Each structure stands twice: as structure tokens, then as C-alpha cells.
Amino acid sequence: MREYSSISTYDKSDNLVGYVEFSDEFEQPKCFYNVQANVLSRVHVNEYRQTEESVFESVNSVIQFDDNIMLTPLQIDGEVRMEIIKSGDTFTSYNSPGISDRFDTYLEFGTTSTNVEGFKIKSNLIDDCLNKL
């Protein structure tokens, strides 16, 4: 049986739009990225050492950009880091897209409460929801 430490997915234009990296210690994703047009969904599992025990925290983010985006992997000291660039660009013409909305939540493993970092809701979305009631 063959084991993989990461899985990448590409769209029809050969843009990297999905990436999952698995932890060596656990059978769960270490990080996850999914791009749909101008929206990035990502999950990171962070490890913090507190005394003799490690604490694991999941950071979930949904980020909306001004332009359509794609992922570009960078490998630094054996670790993969995903850069977000405008769709169709290459890393040599690095153009960082602007962020229009962002929502982050933090969940410490072994707890039931989630901390929200911050979020912004566009007023037209509130109006749309109210009109549907």
C-alpha cells in the first residue's frame, strides 16, 4: 500500500485549487486549502508545547478576495507553504490579491468552545437575508 503525505487538485486551467497535507503523527489533515473562484477555505492544525504536553488547535478560515485566486506551493526546509496569488498569474509575477472579507475561528482540541477572531458582513447580505424572511 502506498502512503501519501499530501494531495493536490487542479482545475481545468491547471491552477492549483486544492491541497491537503497529512500529519506524520496523526491520521488527520495538518492543513487543508480549497479555492472556489475568489474564496479560500483553509484549516491549519497548530501545535503548542505547554509543559510536558502538547496542545493542538484548529484554525479555520474563510477568506474572500477581490480577484479570483489560485494556490502556489513554496517548499522551505522540507515544509510546504501555500501562497495565494491571482488566478492565471505565476509566482514570478507575484500579485497578492486584496482581501475583501475574512472569518477565522479557533478550536482547541479537547474543548467544546470555539473562539471567533473577527468577521465582517456586507450590508447587502444582511438585506438579502431579511428580504427572505
C-alpha atoms as a PDB file:
ATOM      1  CA  MET A   1       0.000   0.000   0.000  1.00  0.00           C
ATOM      2  CA  ARG A   2       1.323   3.433  -0.941  1.00  0.00           C
ATOM      3  CA  GLU A   3       1.097   6.306   1.554  1.00  0.00           C
ATOM      4  CA  TYR A   4       0.881   9.970   0.599  1.00  0.00           C
ATOM      5  CA  SER A   5       1.705  12.921   2.820  1.00  0.00           C
ATOM      6  CA  SER A   6      -0.204  15.396   0.634  1.00  0.00           C
ATOM      7  CA  ILE A   7      -2.808  15.556  -2.123  1.00  0.00           C
ATOM      8  CA  SER A   8      -3.119  18.385  -4.684  1.00  0.00           C
ATOM      9  CA  THR A   9      -6.025  19.122  -7.037  1.00  0.00           C
ATOM     10  CA  TYR A  10      -6.071  21.310 -10.135  1.00  0.00           C
ATOM     11  CA  ASP A  11      -8.838  22.936 -12.178  1.00  0.00           C
ATOM     12  CA  LYS A  12      -9.266  22.699 -15.978  1.00  0.00           C
ATOM     13  CA  SER A  13      -6.862  25.635 -16.465  1.00  0.00           C
ATOM     14  CA  ASP A  14      -4.150  23.790 -14.483  1.00  0.00           C
ATOM     15  CA  ASN A  15      -4.461  26.150 -11.489  1.00  0.00           C
ATOM     16  CA  LEU A  16      -3.794  24.572  -8.089  1.00  0.00           C
ATOM     17  CA  VAL A  17      -7.128  24.887  -6.246  1.00  0.00           C
ATOM     18  CA  GLY A  18      -6.944  22.232  -3.538  1.00  0.00           C
ATOM     19  CA  TYR A  19      -4.265  20.955  -1.198  1.00  0.00           C
ATOM     20  CA  VAL A  20      -4.296  18.657   1.823  1.00  0.00           C
ATOM     21  CA  GLU A  21      -1.220  17.768   3.871  1.00  0.00           C
ATOM     22  CA  PHE A  22      -1.370  14.974   6.434  1.00  0.00           C
ATOM     23  CA  SER A  23       0.442  14.967   9.753  1.00  0.00           C
ATOM     24  CA  ASP A  24       3.049  12.274  10.349  1.00  0.00           C
ATOM     25  CA  GLU A  25       1.812  11.824  13.923  1.00  0.00           C
ATOM     26  CA  PHE A  26      -1.929  11.635  13.260  1.00  0.00           C
ATOM     27  CA  GLU A  27      -4.205  10.270  10.582  1.00  0.00           C
ATOM     28  CA  GLN A  28      -5.816  13.655  10.071  1.00  0.00           C
ATOM     29  CA  PRO A  29      -5.022  16.642   7.905  1.00  0.00           C
ATOM     30  CA  LYS A  30      -2.335  19.019   9.119  1.00  0.00           C
ATOM     31  CA  CYS A  31      -3.571  21.683   6.704  1.00  0.00           C
ATOM     32  CA  PHE A  32      -6.285  21.973   4.087  1.00  0.00           C
ATOM     33  CA  TYR A  33      -6.820  24.574   1.332  1.00  0.00           C
ATOM     34  CA  ASN A  34      -9.755  24.792  -1.062  1.00  0.00           C
ATOM     35  CA  VAL A  35     -10.238  27.566  -3.637  1.00  0.00           C
ATOM     36  CA  GLN A  36     -13.515  28.375  -5.385  1.00  0.00           C
ATOM     37  CA  ALA A  37     -13.139  31.432  -7.655  1.00  0.00           C
ATOM     38  CA  ASN A  38     -12.249  34.213  -5.178  1.00  0.00           C
ATOM     39  CA  VAL A  39     -12.949  32.347  -1.906  1.00  0.00           C
ATOM     40  CA  LEU A  40     -10.346  30.386   0.065  1.00  0.00           C
ATOM     41  CA  SER A  41     -11.342  27.898   2.757  1.00  0.00           C
ATOM     42  CA  ARG A  42      -8.437  26.715   4.846  1.00  0.00           C
ATOM     43  CA  VAL A  43      -7.796  24.753   8.020  1.00  0.00           C
ATOM     44  CA  HIS A  44      -4.498  24.615   9.913  1.00  0.00           C
ATOM     45  CA  VAL A  45      -3.676  22.471  12.915  1.00  0.00           C
ATOM     46  CA  ASN A  46      -1.187  24.233  15.182  1.00  0.00           C
ATOM     47  CA  GLU A  47       0.776  22.536  17.954  1.00  0.00           C
ATOM     48  CA  TYR A  48       1.796  24.387  21.102  1.00  0.00           C
ATOM     49  CA  ARG A  49       4.026  22.917  23.809  1.00  0.00           C
ATOM     50  CA  GLN A  50       2.757  23.594  27.320  1.00  0.00           C
ATOM     51  CA  THR A  51       4.970  21.983  29.964  1.00  0.00           C
ATOM     52  CA  GLU A  52       5.252  18.293  29.033  1.00  0.00           C
ATOM     53  CA  GLU A  53       2.069  18.084  26.972  1.00  0.00           C
ATOM     54  CA  SER A  54       1.291  19.424  23.533  1.00  0.00           C
ATOM     55  CA  VAL A  55      -1.880  21.386  22.882  1.00  0.00           C
ATOM     56  CA  PHE A  56      -3.398  21.247  19.411  1.00  0.00           C
ATOM     57  CA  GLU A  57      -5.543  23.994  17.967  1.00  0.00           C
ATOM     58  CA  SER A  58      -7.517  24.063  14.719  1.00  0.00           C
ATOM     59  CA  VAL A  59      -7.670  27.417  12.905  1.00  0.00           C
ATOM     60  CA  ASN A  60     -10.495  27.557  10.348  1.00  0.00           C
ATOM     61  CA  SER A  61     -10.594  30.451   7.895  1.00  0.00           C
ATOM     62  CA  VAL A  62     -12.861  31.532   5.073  1.00  0.00           C
ATOM     63  CA  ILE A  63     -11.315  34.406   3.128  1.00  0.00           C
ATOM     64  CA  GLN A  64     -12.903  36.278   0.217  1.00  0.00           C
ATOM     65  CA  PHE A  65     -10.516  38.064  -2.128  1.00  0.00           C
ATOM     66  CA  ASP A  66     -11.107  40.898  -4.596  1.00  0.00           C
ATOM     67  CA  ASP A  67      -9.984  38.720  -7.540  1.00  0.00           C
ATOM     68  CA  ASN A  68     -10.096  35.047  -8.490  1.00  0.00           C
ATOM     69  CA  ILE A  69      -7.208  33.215  -6.864  1.00  0.00           C
ATOM     70  CA  MET A  70      -5.091  30.073  -7.029  1.00  0.00           C
ATOM     71  CA  LEU A  71      -2.517  28.422  -4.787  1.00  0.00           C
ATOM     72  CA  THR A  72       1.234  28.368  -5.342  1.00  0.00           C
ATOM     73  CA  PRO A  73       3.278  25.953  -3.216  1.00  0.00           C
ATOM     74  CA  LEU A  74       6.650  27.024  -1.813  1.00  0.00           C
ATOM     75  CA  GLN A  75       8.895  24.461  -0.166  1.00  0.00           C
ATOM     76  CA  ILE A  76      11.108  25.821   2.615  1.00  0.00           C
ATOM     77  CA  ASP A  77      13.242  23.444   4.715  1.00  0.00           C
ATOM     78  CA  GLY A  78      11.047  20.487   3.794  1.00  0.00           C
ATOM     79  CA  GLU A  79       7.828  22.281   4.770  1.00  0.00           C
ATOM     80  CA  VAL A  80       5.261  23.331   2.180  1.00  0.00           C
ATOM     81  CA  ARG A  81       3.817  26.826   2.441  1.00  0.00           C
ATOM     82  CA  MET A  82       0.915  27.874   0.229  1.00  0.00           C
ATOM     83  CA  GLU A  83       0.942  31.354  -1.250  1.00  0.00           C
ATOM     84  CA  ILE A  84      -2.280  32.839  -2.588  1.00  0.00           C
ATOM     85  CA  ILE A  85      -1.927  34.665  -5.915  1.00  0.00           C
ATOM     86  CA  LYS A  86      -4.295  35.973  -8.558  1.00  0.00           C
ATOM     87  CA  SER A  87      -5.602  33.240 -10.824  1.00  0.00           C
ATOM     88  CA  GLY A  88      -3.631  32.909 -14.042  1.00  0.00           C
ATOM     89  CA  ASP A  89      -0.520  34.629 -12.660  1.00  0.00           C
ATOM     90  CA  THR A  90       2.724  32.842 -11.962  1.00  0.00           C
ATOM     91  CA  PHE A  91       4.850  33.165  -8.864  1.00  0.00           C
ATOM     92  CA  THR A  92       7.470  35.125 -10.804  1.00  0.00           C
ATOM     93  CA  SER A  93       4.846  37.829 -11.407  1.00  0.00           C
ATOM     94  CA  TYR A  94       3.595  37.605  -7.820  1.00  0.00           C
ATOM     95  CA  ASN A  95       0.450  39.676  -7.397  1.00  0.00           C
ATOM     96  CA  SER A  96      -1.105  39.456  -3.963  1.00  0.00           C
ATOM     97  CA  PRO A  97      -4.882  39.858  -4.219  1.00  0.00           C
ATOM     98  CA  GLY A  98      -6.682  42.150  -1.805  1.00  0.00           C
ATOM     99  CA  ILE A  99      -8.874  40.633   0.905  1.00  0.00           C
ATOM    100  CA  SER A 100     -12.478  41.849   0.994  1.00  0.00           C
ATOM    101  CA  ASP A 101     -13.836  39.621   3.814  1.00  0.00           C
ATOM    102  CA  ARG A 102     -12.390  37.195   6.332  1.00  0.00           C
ATOM    103  CA  PHE A 103     -13.787  34.885   9.020  1.00  0.00           C
ATOM    104  CA  ASP A 104     -11.483  32.971  11.422  1.00  0.00           C
ATOM    105  CA  THR A 105     -12.387  30.529  14.188  1.00  0.00           C
ATOM    106  CA  TYR A 106     -10.101  28.796  16.684  1.00  0.00           C
ATOM    107  CA  LEU A 107     -10.873  25.450  18.331  1.00  0.00           C
ATOM    108  CA  GLU A 108      -8.582  23.864  20.885  1.00  0.00           C
ATOM    109  CA  PHE A 109      -8.738  20.055  20.655  1.00  0.00           C
ATOM    110  CA  GLY A 110     -10.448  18.513  23.647  1.00  0.00           C
ATOM    111  CA  THR A 111     -12.715  21.526  24.222  1.00  0.00           C
ATOM    112  CA  THR A 112     -16.201  22.309  23.006  1.00  0.00           C
ATOM    113  CA  SER A 113     -15.966  26.096  22.673  1.00  0.00           C
ATOM    114  CA  THR A 114     -14.862  27.935  19.560  1.00  0.00           C
ATOM    115  CA  ASN A 115     -13.271  31.377  19.600  1.00  0.00           C
ATOM    116  CA  VAL A 116     -14.087  33.756  16.759  1.00  0.00           C
ATOM    117  CA  GLU A 117     -11.235  36.069  15.777  1.00  0.00           C
ATOM    118  CA  GLY A 118     -13.375  38.512  13.878  1.00  0.00           C
ATOM    119  CA  PHE A 119     -15.600  38.839  10.905  1.00  0.00           C
ATOM    120  CA  LYS A 120     -17.323  41.370   8.698  1.00  0.00           C
ATOM    121  CA  ILE A 121     -20.666  41.018   6.946  1.00  0.00           C
ATOM    122  CA  LYS A 122     -21.550  43.143   3.947  1.00  0.00           C
ATOM    123  CA  SER A 123     -24.758  45.109   4.443  1.00  0.00           C
ATOM    124  CA  ASN A 124     -26.280  43.799   1.199  1.00  0.00           C
ATOM    125  CA  LEU A 125     -26.021  40.224   2.574  1.00  0.00           C
ATOM    126  CA  ILE A 126     -27.983  41.238   5.668  1.00  0.00           C
ATOM    127  CA  ASP A 127     -30.625  42.897   3.483  1.00  0.00           C
ATOM    128  CA  ASP A 128     -30.873  39.776   1.306  1.00  0.00           C
ATOM    129  CA  CYS A 129     -31.405  37.566   4.371  1.00  0.00           C
ATOM    130  CA  LEU A 130     -34.013  39.918   5.806  1.00  0.00           C
ATOM    131  CA  ASN A 131     -35.890  40.001   2.494  1.00  0.00           C
ATOM    132  CA  LYS A 132     -36.081  36.186   2.510  1.00  0.00           C
ATOM    133  CA  LEU A 133     -37.832  36.138   5.905  1.00  0.00           C
END
